């Protein structure tokens, strides 16, 4: 699918490409945080963040909790 087609479909559904990316990152972060073998740094890299501080801030914005707090609740 072309970028333009994706933009049109997202717009028709009331989203932006940025919002879709954030939603996908959040869902993947929640999934990856259930694996205690993965470090926060490794997860942030897998999700495309340049440093783990950016990931921690984004995760707190999404959930209201730090990745470590989330991990304690689900594991």
Protein backbone atom coordinates (compact mmCIF):
# COMPACT_ATOMS: atom_id res chain seq x y z
CA UNK A 1 0.00 0.00 0.00
CA UNK A 2 1.33 3.43 -0.81
CA UNK A 3 1.89 6.04 1.87
CA UNK A 4 -0.79 8.25 0.35
CA UNK A 5 -3.35 5.43 0.41
CA UNK A 6 -2.50 4.72 4.06
CA UNK A 7 -2.88 8.41 4.90
CA UNK A 8 -6.29 8.51 3.21
CA UNK A 9 -7.50 5.40 5.02
CA UNK A 10 -6.25 6.67 8.36
CA UNK A 11 -7.88 10.07 7.80
CA UNK A 12 -11.18 8.41 6.82
CA UNK A 13 -11.12 6.57 10.16
CA UNK A 14 -10.25 9.69 12.15
CA UNK A 15 -6.55 8.96 12.77
CA UNK A 16 -3.21 10.29 11.65
CA UNK A 17 -0.22 8.14 10.70
CA UNK A 18 1.50 9.38 13.86
CA UNK A 19 -1.39 8.20 16.02
CA UNK A 20 -1.36 4.80 14.36
CA UNK A 21 2.37 4.51 14.99
CA UNK A 22 1.95 5.50 18.65
CA UNK A 23 -0.86 2.96 19.10
CA UNK A 24 1.26 0.21 17.55
CA UNK A 25 4.28 1.13 19.69
CA UNK A 26 2.19 1.13 22.86
CA UNK A 27 0.69 -2.29 22.09
CA UNK A 28 4.11 -3.76 21.27
CA UNK A 29 5.64 -2.20 24.40
CA UNK A 30 2.98 -3.80 26.60
CA UNK A 31 3.68 -7.16 24.93
CA UNK A 32 7.46 -6.89 25.26
CA UNK A 33 7.31 -5.79 28.89
CA UNK A 34 5.79 -9.14 29.84
CA UNK A 35 9.12 -10.80 29.00
CA UNK A 36 11.35 -10.35 32.08
CA UNK A 37 14.46 -11.26 30.07
CA UNK A 38 14.21 -8.07 28.00
CA UNK A 39 15.64 -4.89 29.46
CA UNK A 40 13.87 -1.56 29.17
CA UNK A 41 16.77 -0.40 27.00
CA UNK A 42 16.36 -3.36 24.62
CA UNK A 43 12.62 -2.75 24.37
CA UNK A 44 13.09 0.94 23.62
CA UNK A 45 15.55 0.07 20.85
CA UNK A 46 13.17 -2.50 19.35
CA UNK A 47 10.43 0.11 19.29
CA UNK A 48 12.63 2.59 17.44
CA UNK A 49 13.46 5.03 20.23
CA UNK A 50 16.92 6.55 20.15
CA UNK A 51 17.24 6.34 23.93
CA UNK A 52 15.37 4.69 26.76
CA UNK A 53 14.45 8.03 28.39
CA UNK A 54 12.25 8.88 25.41
CA UNK A 55 10.56 5.50 25.64
CA UNK A 56 10.00 5.85 29.40
CA UNK A 57 8.37 9.27 28.92
CA UNK A 58 6.16 8.00 26.10
CA UNK A 59 5.10 4.94 28.10
CA UNK A 60 4.23 7.08 31.10
CA UNK A 61 2.16 9.35 28.81
CA UNK A 62 0.31 6.34 27.36
CA UNK A 63 -0.39 4.49 30.60
CA UNK A 64 0.24 6.79 33.54
CA UNK A 65 2.87 4.31 34.79
CA UNK A 66 6.56 3.78 34.18
CA UNK A 67 7.59 0.64 32.29
CA UNK A 68 8.99 -0.80 35.56
CA UNK A 69 5.68 -0.17 37.38
CA UNK A 70 3.74 -1.75 34.52
CA UNK A 71 6.06 -4.76 34.55
CA UNK A 72 5.54 -5.27 38.29
CA UNK A 73 1.77 -5.28 37.82
CA UNK A 74 1.67 -7.80 34.97
CA UNK A 75 4.41 -10.23 35.97
